[in-house]
Amino acid sequence: MVPLSVLDLSPVTTATPGSVALRNSLDLARLADRLGYKRYWVAEHHNLANIASSAPDIMIGQIAAITSHMRVGSGGVMLPNHAPLMVAERFKVLEALFPGRIDLGLGRAPGTDQVTSYALRARQDPRQGDDFLERFQELLLLERGGFPEGHPFRNVRAVPADVALPPIWLLGSSGYSAELAAAVGLGFSFAYHFADYDAASAMLSYRDHFKPSATLKEPYAILGTAVIAADTDAEAERIALSADLHYVRRAKGEYLPLASPEEAAAYAYTPADRGRMALQRARLVVGSIEKVKVRLQALIEATRADELMITTMVYDHAARKRSYELLAKAFALVPQS
């Protein structure tokens, strides 16, 4: 079976403030490490009341320090928010402290609204439009010493200079990042849990057009998907009510803390709301572990995913942990001592 990994957004609920959500992430990471998950990635989002994960580099260090087996990384660092040199140095520090266990996942979006994005970049050199590719190239040139003679960055070195950057992954929800990852020979992770773009199209295109590099000889594609598993279908459906309301609110631009299943059940949904719920349910895998496993196997076959990265945004932390426990058993992960 394919390996399983975790994507954690540190969900904030009406009963769990951000400070507790971050500690819950540490608790979940310990469990995932024991259960045999391959990697644990944390997200970068800003100014969202339902997500506490705003500083992935800090969380990566904390998680790597309390685990022993998993790779730990970013899912991802939103490169438009950061100077490439700063990204290089922070991840070299992490790689130096936890050699062979760090991943650097890069995203194109800012992970927030336009005003907050401006606040994040206000003191940087202003650049117009989508400058992800420019920043990405700068990051690679800093690592490889590739700036030409006369360039102002020619003698800039990201420190610690004796440590290589950890493996770089490109994250995407469309065909663009798949094409770029294939062209430069990097790993690719597709965000099926929120993408409107067809996952199979992106994943297969990446595989078909992959060009081997010094970093990666063969294509490697991770499928990120949202899963809510429970001991019974009925329990999973009850837990998923919080996610249903979250998606309805998100479609209206309302990023509120996750509500309880009881509050979600009492919400006055409009026909349009129910249409949005149905659309999202096509991407959200919900049910008993038997039902969930069948759907996930179909996704693996359709996309030829090398690995599944599971995100579970639910109200109750214990229910989230139980979902990952059921998945670990169903996919025969090897527990770690």
C-alpha atoms as a PDB file:
ATOM      1  CA  MET A   1       0.000   0.000   0.000  1.00  0.00           C
ATOM      2  CA  VAL A   2       1.052   3.605  -0.487  1.00  0.00           C
ATOM      3  CA  PRO A   3       2.509   5.503   2.481  1.00  0.00           C
ATOM      4  CA  LEU A   4       0.293   7.887   4.430  1.00  0.00           C
ATOM      5  CA  SER A   5       1.257  11.330   5.688  1.00  0.00           C
ATOM      6  CA  VAL A   6      -0.399  14.177   7.584  1.00  0.00           C
ATOM      7  CA  LEU A   7      -1.176  17.753   6.565  1.00  0.00           C
ATOM      8  CA  ASP A   8      -2.027  19.788   9.669  1.00  0.00           C
ATOM      9  CA  LEU A   9      -3.594  23.254   9.679  1.00  0.00           C
ATOM     10  CA  SER A  10      -3.958  23.428  13.487  1.00  0.00           C
ATOM     11  CA  PRO A  11      -7.759  23.889  13.380  1.00  0.00           C
ATOM     12  CA  VAL A  12      -9.302  26.475  15.699  1.00  0.00           C
ATOM     13  CA  THR A  13     -12.803  25.693  16.980  1.00  0.00           C
ATOM     14  CA  THR A  14     -15.379  27.515  19.075  1.00  0.00           C
ATOM     15  CA  ALA A  15     -14.056  25.522  22.042  1.00  0.00           C
ATOM     16  CA  THR A  16     -10.345  25.452  21.083  1.00  0.00           C
ATOM     17  CA  PRO A  17      -8.438  28.742  20.748  1.00  0.00           C
ATOM     18  CA  GLY A  18      -5.328  29.014  18.615  1.00  0.00           C
ATOM     19  CA  SER A  19      -2.906  28.400  21.486  1.00  0.00           C
ATOM     20  CA  VAL A  20      -4.597  25.079  22.269  1.00  0.00           C
ATOM     21  CA  ALA A  21      -4.828  24.209  18.566  1.00  0.00           C
ATOM     22  CA  LEU A  22      -1.037  24.463  18.271  1.00  0.00           C
ATOM     23  CA  ARG A  23      -0.543  22.187  21.283  1.00  0.00           C
ATOM     24  CA  ASN A  24      -3.036  19.768  19.739  1.00  0.00           C
ATOM     25  CA  SER A  25      -0.813  19.689  16.665  1.00  0.00           C
ATOM     26  CA  LEU A  26       2.120  18.578  18.810  1.00  0.00           C
ATOM     27  CA  ASP A  27      -0.060  15.878  20.351  1.00  0.00           C
ATOM     28  CA  LEU A  28      -1.216  14.661  16.937  1.00  0.00           C
ATOM     29  CA  ALA A  29       2.365  14.657  15.644  1.00  0.00           C
ATOM     30  CA  ARG A  30       3.482  12.377  18.475  1.00  0.00           C
ATOM     31  CA  LEU A  31       0.645   9.987  17.630  1.00  0.00           C
ATOM     32  CA  ALA A  32       1.364  10.038  13.887  1.00  0.00           C
ATOM     33  CA  ASP A  33       5.029   9.304  14.562  1.00  0.00           C
ATOM     34  CA  ARG A  34       4.112   6.258  16.666  1.00  0.00           C
ATOM     35  CA  LEU A  35       1.542   5.044  14.132  1.00  0.00           C
ATOM     36  CA  GLY A  36       4.037   4.970  11.265  1.00  0.00           C
ATOM     37  CA  TYR A  37       3.047   7.971   9.123  1.00  0.00           C
ATOM     38  CA  LYS A  38       5.762   8.907   6.651  1.00  0.00           C
ATOM     39  CA  ARG A  39       5.778  12.695   6.981  1.00  0.00           C
ATOM     40  CA  TYR A  40       4.013  15.490   8.829  1.00  0.00           C
ATOM     41  CA  TRP A  41       3.560  18.813   7.057  1.00  0.00           C
ATOM     42  CA  VAL A  42       2.201  22.029   8.548  1.00  0.00           C
ATOM     43  CA  ALA A  43       0.535  24.808   6.588  1.00  0.00           C
ATOM     44  CA  GLU A  44       1.021  28.572   6.370  1.00  0.00           C
ATOM     45  CA  HIS A  45      -2.115  30.714   6.595  1.00  0.00           C
ATOM     46  CA  HIS A  46      -2.648  34.216   7.938  1.00  0.00           C
ATOM     47  CA  ASN A  47      -5.535  36.210   9.411  1.00  0.00           C
ATOM     48  CA  LEU A  48      -7.907  33.234   9.408  1.00  0.00           C
ATOM     49  CA  ALA A  49      -9.947  32.645  12.559  1.00  0.00           C
ATOM     50  CA  ASN A  50     -10.191  28.901  11.924  1.00  0.00           C
ATOM     51  CA  ILE A  51      -6.477  28.150  11.371  1.00  0.00           C
ATOM     52  CA  ALA A  52      -3.659  28.694  13.879  1.00  0.00           C
ATOM     53  CA  SER A  53      -0.834  27.530  11.608  1.00  0.00           C
ATOM     54  CA  SER A  54       0.893  30.782  10.596  1.00  0.00           C
ATOM     55  CA  ALA A  55       4.597  30.012  11.157  1.00  0.00           C
ATOM     56  CA  PRO A  56       5.481  26.594   9.691  1.00  0.00           C
ATOM     57  CA  ASP A  57       9.232  26.881  10.239  1.00  0.00           C
ATOM     58  CA  ILE A  58       8.710  27.326  13.981  1.00  0.00           C
ATOM     59  CA  MET A  59       6.242  24.439  14.181  1.00  0.00           C
ATOM     60  CA  ILE A  60       8.521  22.186  12.108  1.00  0.00           C
ATOM     61  CA  GLY A  61      11.293  22.632  14.650  1.00  0.00           C
ATOM     62  CA  GLN A  62       8.953  21.928  17.556  1.00  0.00           C
ATOM     63  CA  ILE A  63       7.470  18.823  15.903  1.00  0.00           C
ATOM     64  CA  ALA A  64      10.805  17.420  14.765  1.00  0.00           C
ATOM     65  CA  ALA A  65      12.140  17.826  18.311  1.00  0.00           C
ATOM     66  CA  ILE A  66       9.403  15.643  19.838  1.00  0.00           C
ATOM     67  CA  THR A  67       9.287  12.960  17.114  1.00  0.00           C
ATOM     68  CA  SER A  68      11.860  10.482  15.859  1.00  0.00           C
ATOM     69  CA  HIS A  69      10.776   8.771  12.660  1.00  0.00           C
ATOM     70  CA  MET A  70       8.668  10.991  10.403  1.00  0.00           C
ATOM     71  CA  ARG A  71       9.925  13.581   7.990  1.00  0.00           C
ATOM     72  CA  VAL A  72       8.599  17.006   9.011  1.00  0.00           C
ATOM     73  CA  GLY A  73       7.994  19.864   6.621  1.00  0.00           C
ATOM     74  CA  SER A  74       5.944  22.692   5.228  1.00  0.00           C
ATOM     75  CA  GLY A  75       2.752  22.234   3.308  1.00  0.00           C
ATOM     76  CA  GLY A  76       3.788  24.786   2.544  1.00  0.00           C
ATOM     77  CA  VAL A  77       5.847  27.912   2.902  1.00  0.00           C
ATOM     78  CA  MET A  78       3.984  30.519   0.851  1.00  0.00           C
ATOM     79  CA  LEU A  79       6.954  31.899  -1.057  1.00  0.00           C
ATOM     80  CA  PRO A  80       5.324  35.228  -2.075  1.00  0.00           C
ATOM     81  CA  ASN A  81       5.372  36.184   1.622  1.00  0.00           C
ATOM     82  CA  HIS A  82       9.097  35.670   2.188  1.00  0.00           C
ATOM     83  CA  ALA A  83      12.525  36.717   0.993  1.00  0.00           C
ATOM     84  CA  PRO A  84      14.077  33.613  -0.597  1.00  0.00           C
ATOM     85  CA  LEU A  85      17.274  34.082   1.433  1.00  0.00           C
ATOM     86  CA  MET A  86      15.268  33.975   4.654  1.00  0.00           C
ATOM     87  CA  VAL A  87      13.537  30.760   3.564  1.00  0.00           C
ATOM     88  CA  ALA A  88      16.879  29.194   2.632  1.00  0.00           C
ATOM     89  CA  GLU A  89      18.502  30.056   5.947  1.00  0.00           C
ATOM     90  CA  ARG A  90      15.606  28.929   8.130  1.00  0.00           C
ATOM     91  CA  PHE A  91      15.373  25.575   6.398  1.00  0.00           C
ATOM     92  CA  LYS A  92      19.131  25.077   6.425  1.00  0.00           C
ATOM     93  CA  VAL A  93      19.013  25.609  10.182  1.00  0.00           C
ATOM     94  CA  LEU A  94      16.226  23.022  10.473  1.00  0.00           C
ATOM     95  CA  GLU A  95      18.145  20.572   8.269  1.00  0.00           C
ATOM     96  CA  ALA A  96      21.271  21.085  10.381  1.00  0.00           C
ATOM     97  CA  LEU A  97      19.362  20.343  13.585  1.00  0.00           C
ATOM     98  CA  PHE A  98      17.341  17.411  12.188  1.00  0.00           C
ATOM     99  CA  PRO A  99      19.403  16.015   9.304  1.00  0.00           C
ATOM    100  CA  GLY A 100      17.530  13.943   6.763  1.00  0.00           C
ATOM    101  CA  ARG A 101      14.102  14.639   8.286  1.00  0.00           C
ATOM    102  CA  ILE A 102      13.059  18.028   6.863  1.00  0.00           C
ATOM    103  CA  ASP A 103      10.989  18.849   3.749  1.00  0.00           C
ATOM    104  CA  LEU A 104      10.594  22.293   2.157  1.00  0.00           C
ATOM    105  CA  GLY A 105       7.201  22.475   0.452  1.00  0.00           C
ATOM    106  CA  LEU A 106       6.600  25.710  -1.483  1.00  0.00           C
ATOM    107  CA  GLY A 107       3.282  27.279  -2.438  1.00  0.00           C
ATOM    108  CA  ARG A 108       2.446  30.015  -4.935  1.00  0.00           C
ATOM    109  CA  ALA A 109      -0.439  31.663  -3.070  1.00  0.00           C
ATOM    110  CA  PRO A 110      -0.079  34.022  -0.096  1.00  0.00           C
ATOM    111  CA  GLY A 111      -2.418  31.923   2.069  1.00  0.00           C
ATOM    112  CA  THR A 112      -4.519  34.902   3.049  1.00  0.00           C
ATOM    113  CA  ASP A 113      -6.501  37.911   1.795  1.00  0.00           C
ATOM    114  CA  GLN A 114      -5.040  40.766  -0.264  1.00  0.00           C
ATOM    115  CA  VAL A 115      -4.726  43.264   2.588  1.00  0.00           C
ATOM    116  CA  THR A 116      -2.949  40.789   4.866  1.00  0.00           C
ATOM    117  CA  SER A 117      -0.739  39.754   1.970  1.00  0.00           C
ATOM    118  CA  TYR A 118       0.263  43.389   1.535  1.00  0.00           C
ATOM    119  CA  ALA A 119       1.012  43.674   5.276  1.00  0.00           C
ATOM    120  CA  LEU A 120       3.267  40.608   5.048  1.00  0.00           C
ATOM    121  CA  ARG A 121       5.212  42.083   2.131  1.00  0.00           C
ATOM    122  CA  ALA A 122       5.052  45.814   2.906  1.00  0.00           C
ATOM    123  CA  ARG A 123       8.734  46.104   3.861  1.00  0.00           C
ATOM    124  CA  GLN A 124       9.997  43.946   1.018  1.00  0.00           C
ATOM    125  CA  ASP A 125      11.046  45.185  -2.399  1.00  0.00           C
ATOM    126  CA  PRO A 126       7.684  45.709  -4.140  1.00  0.00           C
ATOM    127  CA  ARG A 127       7.170  43.516  -7.192  1.00  0.00           C
ATOM    128  CA  GLN A 128       4.140  43.559  -9.429  1.00  0.00           C
ATOM    129  CA  GLY A 129       1.966  40.561 -10.245  1.00  0.00           C
ATOM    130  CA  ASP A 130       2.736  36.907  -9.623  1.00  0.00           C
ATOM    131  CA  ASP A 131       6.434  36.801  -8.741  1.00  0.00           C
ATOM    132  CA  PHE A 132       6.543  33.200  -7.489  1.00  0.00           C
ATOM    133  CA  LEU A 133       8.741  32.000 -10.342  1.00  0.00           C
ATOM    134  CA  GLU A 134      11.221  34.843  -9.796  1.00  0.00           C
ATOM    135  CA  ARG A 135      11.435  34.072  -6.075  1.00  0.00           C
ATOM    136  CA  PHE A 136      11.724  30.352  -6.741  1.00  0.00           C
ATOM    137  CA  GLN A 137      14.596  30.891  -9.162  1.00  0.00           C
ATOM    138  CA  GLU A 138      16.308  33.160  -6.648  1.00  0.00           C
ATOM    139  CA  LEU A 139      16.028  30.459  -3.978  1.00  0.00           C
ATOM    140  CA  LEU A 140      17.629  27.874  -6.278  1.00  0.00           C
ATOM    141  CA  LEU A 141      20.402  30.238  -7.358  1.00  0.00           C
ATOM    142  CA  LEU A 142      21.226  31.041  -3.735  1.00  0.00           C
ATOM    143  CA  GLU A 143      21.552  27.335  -3.005  1.00  0.00           C
ATOM    144  CA  ARG A 144      23.601  26.506  -6.093  1.00  0.00           C
ATOM    145  CA  GLY A 145      25.785  29.612  -6.209  1.00  0.00           C
ATOM    146  CA  GLY A 146      24.450  30.326  -9.674  1.00  0.00           C
ATOM    147  CA  PHE A 147      24.367  34.111  -9.801  1.00  0.00           C
ATOM    148  CA  PRO A 148      26.633  35.467 -12.585  1.00  0.00           C
ATOM    149  CA  GLU A 149      29.636  37.716 -12.121  1.00  0.00           C
ATOM    150  CA  GLY A 150      28.565  41.256 -11.323  1.00  0.00           C
ATOM    151  CA  HIS A 151      25.220  40.269  -9.813  1.00  0.00           C
ATOM    152  CA  PRO A 152      24.696  41.856  -6.364  1.00  0.00           C
ATOM    153  CA  PHE A 153      23.858  38.426  -4.870  1.00  0.00           C
ATOM    154  CA  ARG A 154      26.934  36.739  -6.341  1.00  0.00           C
ATOM    155  CA  ASN A 155      28.707  36.480  -2.970  1.00  0.00           C
ATOM    156  CA  VAL A 156      25.633  35.970  -0.775  1.00  0.00           C
ATOM    157  CA  ARG A 157      25.628  32.626   1.018  1.00  0.00           C
ATOM    158  CA  ALA A 158      22.728  31.182   2.970  1.00  0.00           C
ATOM    159  CA  VAL A 159      24.050  29.911   6.287  1.00  0.00           C
ATOM    160  CA  PRO A 160      24.872  27.442   7.652  1.00  0.00           C
ATOM    161  CA  ALA A 161      26.728  27.156   4.353  1.00  0.00           C
ATOM    162  CA  ASP A 162      27.864  23.571   4.957  1.00  0.00           C
ATOM    163  CA  VAL A 163      24.255  22.299   4.999  1.00  0.00           C
ATOM    164  CA  ALA A 164      22.252  21.686   1.841  1.00  0.00           C
ATOM    165  CA  LEU A 165      18.643  22.732   1.571  1.00  0.00           C
ATOM    166  CA  PRO A 166      16.253  19.895   2.403  1.00  0.00           C
ATOM    167  CA  PRO A 167      14.258  18.395  -0.487  1.00  0.00           C
ATOM    168  CA  ILE A 168      12.046  20.972  -2.207  1.00  0.00           C
ATOM    169  CA  TRP A 169       8.470  20.095  -3.094  1.00  0.00           C
ATOM    170  CA  LEU A 170       6.162  22.199  -5.224  1.00  0.00           C
ATOM    171  CA  LEU A 171       2.561  22.408  -4.036  1.00  0.00           C
ATOM    172  CA  GLY A 172      -0.329  23.122  -6.350  1.00  0.00           C
ATOM    173  CA  SER A 173      -4.050  23.051  -6.987  1.00  0.00           C
ATOM    174  CA  SER A 174      -3.875  23.489 -10.770  1.00  0.00           C
ATOM    175  CA  GLY A 175      -1.780  22.324 -13.693  1.00  0.00           C
ATOM    176  CA  TYR A 176       0.844  25.092 -13.385  1.00  0.00           C
ATOM    177  CA  SER A 177       2.776  23.725 -10.407  1.00  0.00           C
ATOM    178  CA  ALA A 178       2.567  20.207 -11.855  1.00  0.00           C
ATOM    179  CA  GLU A 179       4.212  21.430 -15.053  1.00  0.00           C
ATOM    180  CA  LEU A 180       6.873  23.400 -13.170  1.00  0.00           C
ATOM    181  CA  ALA A 181       7.694  20.514 -10.808  1.00  0.00           C
ATOM    182  CA  ALA A 182       8.025  18.179 -13.788  1.00  0.00           C
ATOM    183  CA  ALA A 183      10.224  20.624 -15.718  1.00  0.00           C
ATOM    184  CA  VAL A 184      12.712  21.173 -12.880  1.00  0.00           C
ATOM    185  CA  GLY A 185      12.652  17.605 -11.559  1.00  0.00           C
ATOM    186  CA  LEU A 186      11.161  18.140  -8.095  1.00  0.00           C
ATOM    187  CA  GLY A 187       8.526  16.329  -6.059  1.00  0.00           C
ATOM    188  CA  PHE A 188       4.928  17.465  -6.477  1.00  0.00           C
ATOM    189  CA  SER A 189       2.007  17.618  -4.041  1.00  0.00           C
ATOM    190  CA  PHE A 190      -1.519  18.268  -5.305  1.00  0.00           C
ATOM    191  CA  ALA A 191      -4.140  19.844  -3.003  1.00  0.00           C
ATOM    192  CA  TYR A 192      -7.143  17.737  -3.966  1.00  0.00           C
ATOM    193  CA  HIS A 193      -8.915  18.724  -0.743  1.00  0.00           C
ATOM    194  CA  PHE A 194      -9.740  22.189  -2.096  1.00  0.00           C
ATOM    195  CA  ALA A 195      -8.790  22.194  -5.783  1.00  0.00           C
ATOM    196  CA  ASP A 196     -11.316  22.730  -8.552  1.00  0.00           C
ATOM    197  CA  TYR A 197      -8.784  21.431 -11.077  1.00  0.00           C
ATOM    198  CA  ASP A 198      -8.906  17.725 -11.890  1.00  0.00           C
ATOM    199  CA  ALA A 199      -6.462  15.865  -9.661  1.00  0.00           C
ATOM    200  CA  ALA A 200      -5.801  13.021 -12.088  1.00  0.00           C
ATOM    201  CA  SER A 201      -5.014  15.454 -14.895  1.00  0.00           C
ATOM    202  CA  ALA A 202      -2.441  17.317 -12.788  1.00  0.00           C
ATOM    203  CA  MET A 203      -0.841  14.220 -11.291  1.00  0.00           C
ATOM    204  CA  LEU A 204      -0.597  12.294 -14.559  1.00  0.00           C
ATOM    205  CA  SER A 205       0.704  15.336 -16.441  1.00  0.00           C
ATOM    206  CA  TYR A 206       3.441  15.726 -13.848  1.00  0.00           C
ATOM    207  CA  ARG A 207       4.429  12.094 -14.230  1.00  0.00           C
ATOM    208  CA  ASP A 208       4.332  12.147 -18.040  1.00  0.00           C
ATOM    209  CA  HIS A 209       6.466  15.298 -18.368  1.00  0.00           C
ATOM    210  CA  PHE A 210       8.908  14.721 -15.503  1.00  0.00           C
ATOM    211  CA  LYS A 211      12.557  15.446 -16.287  1.00  0.00           C
ATOM    212  CA  PRO A 212      15.099  13.768 -13.972  1.00  0.00           C
ATOM    213  CA  SER A 213      17.326  16.121 -12.002  1.00  0.00           C
ATOM    214  CA  ALA A 214      20.238  15.918  -9.606  1.00  0.00           C
ATOM    215  CA  THR A 215      17.624  16.148  -6.847  1.00  0.00           C
ATOM    216  CA  LEU A 216      15.153  13.514  -8.028  1.00  0.00           C
ATOM    217  CA  LYS A 217      15.632  10.760 -10.593  1.00  0.00           C
ATOM    218  CA  GLU A 218      12.022   9.560 -10.771  1.00  0.00           C
ATOM    219  CA  PRO A 219       8.717  11.460 -10.399  1.00  0.00           C
ATOM    220  CA  TYR A 220       7.123  11.379  -6.967  1.00  0.00           C
ATOM    221  CA  ALA A 221       3.603  12.743  -6.498  1.00  0.00           C
ATOM    222  CA  ILE A 222       1.687  13.203  -3.251  1.00  0.00           C
ATOM    223  CA  LEU A 223      -2.101  13.536  -3.256  1.00  0.00           C
ATOM    224  CA  GLY A 224      -3.423  15.742  -0.463  1.00  0.00           C
ATOM    225  CA  THR A 225      -6.985  14.842   0.450  1.00  0.00           C
ATOM    226  CA  ALA A 226      -9.466  15.563   3.242  1.00  0.00           C
ATOM    227  CA  VAL A 227     -10.678  12.546   5.197  1.00  0.00           C
ATOM    228  CA  ILE A 228     -13.018  12.047   8.155  1.00  0.00           C
ATOM    229  CA  ALA A 229     -13.027   8.419   9.283  1.00  0.00           C
ATOM    230  CA  ALA A 230     -14.851   7.027  12.307  1.00  0.00           C
ATOM    231  CA  ASP A 231     -15.912   3.693  13.738  1.00  0.00           C
ATOM    232  CA  THR A 232     -19.272   3.885  11.940  1.00  0.00           C
ATOM    233  CA  ASP A 233     -20.721   5.727   8.957  1.00  0.00           C
ATOM    234  CA  ALA A 234     -23.215   7.448  11.240  1.00  0.00           C
ATOM    235  CA  GLU A 235     -20.505   8.753  13.566  1.00  0.00           C
ATOM    236  CA  ALA A 236     -18.407   9.980  10.647  1.00  0.00           C
ATOM    237  CA  GLU A 237     -21.402  11.807   9.187  1.00  0.00           C
ATOM    238  CA  ARG A 238     -22.099  13.456  12.548  1.00  0.00           C
ATOM    239  CA  ILE A 239     -18.500  14.619  12.874  1.00  0.00           C
ATOM    240  CA  ALA A 240     -18.510  15.871   9.266  1.00  0.00           C
ATOM    241  CA  LEU A 241     -21.353  18.295   9.981  1.00  0.00           C
ATOM    242  CA  SER A 242     -18.741  20.762  11.270  1.00  0.00           C
ATOM    243  CA  ALA A 243     -16.841  20.498   7.999  1.00  0.00           C
ATOM    244  CA  ASP A 244     -20.042  20.996   5.982  1.00  0.00           C
ATOM    245  CA  LEU A 245     -20.788  24.265   7.763  1.00  0.00           C
ATOM    246  CA  HIS A 246     -17.162  25.353   7.425  1.00  0.00           C
ATOM    247  CA  TYR A 247     -17.273  24.937   3.634  1.00  0.00           C
ATOM    248  CA  VAL A 248     -20.586  26.782   3.398  1.00  0.00           C
ATOM    249  CA  ARG A 249     -19.195  29.705   5.361  1.00  0.00           C
ATOM    250  CA  ARG A 250     -15.919  29.693   3.464  1.00  0.00           C
ATOM    251  CA  ALA A 251     -17.787  30.003   0.178  1.00  0.00           C
ATOM    252  CA  LYS A 252     -19.308  33.215   1.585  1.00  0.00           C
ATOM    253  CA  GLY A 253     -15.937  34.550   2.749  1.00  0.00           C
ATOM    254  CA  GLU A 254     -16.646  33.716   6.402  1.00  0.00           C
ATOM    255  CA  TYR A 255     -13.584  32.107   7.993  1.00  0.00           C
ATOM    256  CA  LEU A 256     -14.928  31.421  11.475  1.00  0.00           C
ATOM    257  CA  PRO A 257     -13.727  28.903  14.059  1.00  0.00           C
ATOM    258  CA  LEU A 258     -15.078  25.421  13.434  1.00  0.00           C
ATOM    259  CA  ALA A 259     -18.506  24.983  14.977  1.00  0.00           C
ATOM    260  CA  SER A 260     -19.625  21.903  16.876  1.00  0.00           C
ATOM    261  CA  PRO A 261     -21.638  19.236  15.050  1.00  0.00           C
ATOM    262  CA  GLU A 262     -24.653  20.278  17.110  1.00  0.00           C
ATOM    263  CA  GLU A 263     -24.360  23.920  16.039  1.00  0.00           C
ATOM    264  CA  ALA A 264     -23.834  22.835  12.442  1.00  0.00           C
ATOM    265  CA  ALA A 265     -26.929  20.620  12.526  1.00  0.00           C
ATOM    266  CA  ALA A 266     -29.025  23.569  13.698  1.00  0.00           C
ATOM    267  CA  TYR A 267     -27.760  25.973  11.008  1.00  0.00           C
ATOM    268  CA  ALA A 268     -30.394  27.319   8.594  1.00  0.00           C
ATOM    269  CA  TYR A 269     -28.963  26.140   5.271  1.00  0.00           C
ATOM    270  CA  THR A 270     -30.297  27.611   2.040  1.00  0.00           C
ATOM    271  CA  PRO A 271     -30.649  25.558  -1.157  1.00  0.00           C
ATOM    272  CA  ALA A 272     -27.498  27.296  -2.415  1.00  0.00           C
ATOM    273  CA  ASP A 273     -25.684  26.279   0.765  1.00  0.00           C
ATOM    274  CA  ARG A 274     -26.672  22.669   0.274  1.00  0.00           C
ATOM    275  CA  GLY A 275     -25.397  22.821  -3.287  1.00  0.00           C
ATOM    276  CA  ARG A 276     -22.012  24.023  -2.021  1.00  0.00           C
ATOM    277  CA  MET A 277     -21.984  21.226   0.557  1.00  0.00           C
ATOM    278  CA  ALA A 278     -22.658  18.626  -2.118  1.00  0.00           C
ATOM    279  CA  LEU A 279     -19.853  20.012  -4.285  1.00  0.00           C
ATOM    280  CA  GLN A 280     -17.356  19.814  -1.441  1.00  0.00           C
ATOM    281  CA  ARG A 281     -18.537  16.360  -0.375  1.00  0.00           C
ATOM    282  CA  ALA A 282     -17.353  15.119  -3.768  1.00  0.00           C
ATOM    283  CA  ARG A 283     -13.821  15.925  -2.544  1.00  0.00           C
ATOM    284  CA  LEU A 284     -14.241  15.086   1.147  1.00  0.00           C
ATOM    285  CA  VAL A 285     -13.929  11.397   2.038  1.00  0.00           C
ATOM    286  CA  VAL A 286     -16.286  10.560   4.936  1.00  0.00           C
ATOM    287  CA  GLY A 287     -17.376   7.299   6.536  1.00  0.00           C
ATOM    288  CA  SER A 288     -16.399   4.147   8.338  1.00  0.00           C
ATOM    289  CA  ILE A 289     -12.874   3.014   7.609  1.00  0.00           C
ATOM    290  CA  GLU A 290     -14.106   0.372   5.160  1.00  0.00           C
ATOM    291  CA  LYS A 291     -15.966   2.978   3.124  1.00  0.00           C
ATOM    292  CA  VAL A 292     -13.108   5.476   3.340  1.00  0.00           C
ATOM    293  CA  LYS A 293     -10.523   2.945   2.217  1.00  0.00           C
ATOM    294  CA  VAL A 294     -12.514   2.070  -0.920  1.00  0.00           C
ATOM    295  CA  ARG A 295     -12.732   5.737  -1.946  1.00  0.00           C
ATOM    296  CA  LEU A 296      -9.079   6.377  -1.238  1.00  0.00           C
ATOM    297  CA  GLN A 297      -7.971   3.338  -3.216  1.00  0.00           C
ATOM    298  CA  ALA A 298      -9.985   4.610  -6.177  1.00  0.00           C
ATOM    299  CA  LEU A 299      -8.237   7.995  -5.899  1.00  0.00           C
ATOM    300  CA  ILE A 300      -4.830   6.337  -5.742  1.00  0.00           C
ATOM    301  CA  GLU A 301      -5.557   4.315  -8.869  1.00  0.00           C
ATOM    302  CA  ALA A 302      -6.943   7.312 -10.789  1.00  0.00           C
ATOM    303  CA  THR A 303      -4.054   9.642  -9.944  1.00  0.00           C
ATOM    304  CA  ARG A 304      -1.221   7.095  -9.598  1.00  0.00           C
ATOM    305  CA  ALA A 305      -0.316   8.802  -6.334  1.00  0.00           C
ATOM    306  CA  ASP A 306       2.906   7.647  -4.713  1.00  0.00           C
ATOM    307  CA  GLU A 307       1.675   8.826  -1.322  1.00  0.00           C
ATOM    308  CA  LEU A 308      -1.500  10.115   0.353  1.00  0.00           C
ATOM    309  CA  MET A 309      -1.326  13.160   2.606  1.00  0.00           C
ATOM    310  CA  ILE A 310      -4.388  13.311   4.830  1.00  0.00           C
ATOM    311  CA  THR A 311      -5.874  16.458   6.339  1.00  0.00           C
ATOM    312  CA  THR A 312      -8.689  16.197   8.868  1.00  0.00           C
ATOM    313  CA  MET A 313     -10.421  19.394   9.964  1.00  0.00           C
ATOM    314  CA  VAL A 314     -12.944  18.452  12.642  1.00  0.00           C
ATOM    315  CA  TYR A 315     -14.275  19.985  15.846  1.00  0.00           C
ATOM    316  CA  ASP A 316     -13.114  17.373  18.332  1.00  0.00           C
ATOM    317  CA  HIS A 317      -9.400  16.624  18.738  1.00  0.00           C
ATOM    318  CA  ALA A 318     -10.059  13.097  19.967  1.00  0.00           C
ATOM    319  CA  ALA A 319     -12.139  12.386  16.861  1.00  0.00           C
ATOM    320  CA  ARG A 320      -9.324  13.704  14.676  1.00  0.00           C
ATOM    321  CA  LYS A 321      -6.825  11.389  16.350  1.00  0.00           C
ATOM    322  CA  ARG A 322      -9.201   8.443  16.008  1.00  0.00           C
ATOM    323  CA  SER A 323      -9.532   9.096  12.283  1.00  0.00           C
ATOM    324  CA  TYR A 324      -5.752   8.895  11.826  1.00  0.00           C
ATOM    325  CA  GLU A 325      -5.602   5.742  13.962  1.00  0.00           C
ATOM    326  CA  LEU A 326      -8.198   4.007  11.787  1.00  0.00           C
ATOM    327  CA  LEU A 327      -6.381   5.025   8.603  1.00  0.00           C
ATOM    328  CA  ALA A 328      -3.052   3.762   9.911  1.00  0.00           C
ATOM    329  CA  LYS A 329      -4.539   0.355  10.624  1.00  0.00           C
ATOM    330  CA  ALA A 330      -6.435   0.149   7.322  1.00  0.00           C
ATOM    331  CA  PHE A 331      -3.313   0.978   5.302  1.00  0.00           C
ATOM    332  CA  ALA A 332      -1.118  -1.360   7.345  1.00  0.00           C
ATOM    333  CA  LEU A 333       1.295   1.293   8.573  1.00  0.00           C
ATOM    334  CA  VAL A 334       4.103  -0.117  10.682  1.00  0.00           C
ATOM    335  CA  PRO A 335       3.953   1.241  14.255  1.00  0.00           C
ATOM    336  CA  GLN A 336       7.166   2.778  15.566  1.00  0.00           C
ATOM    337  CA  SER A 337       8.474   2.302  19.080  1.00  0.00           C
END
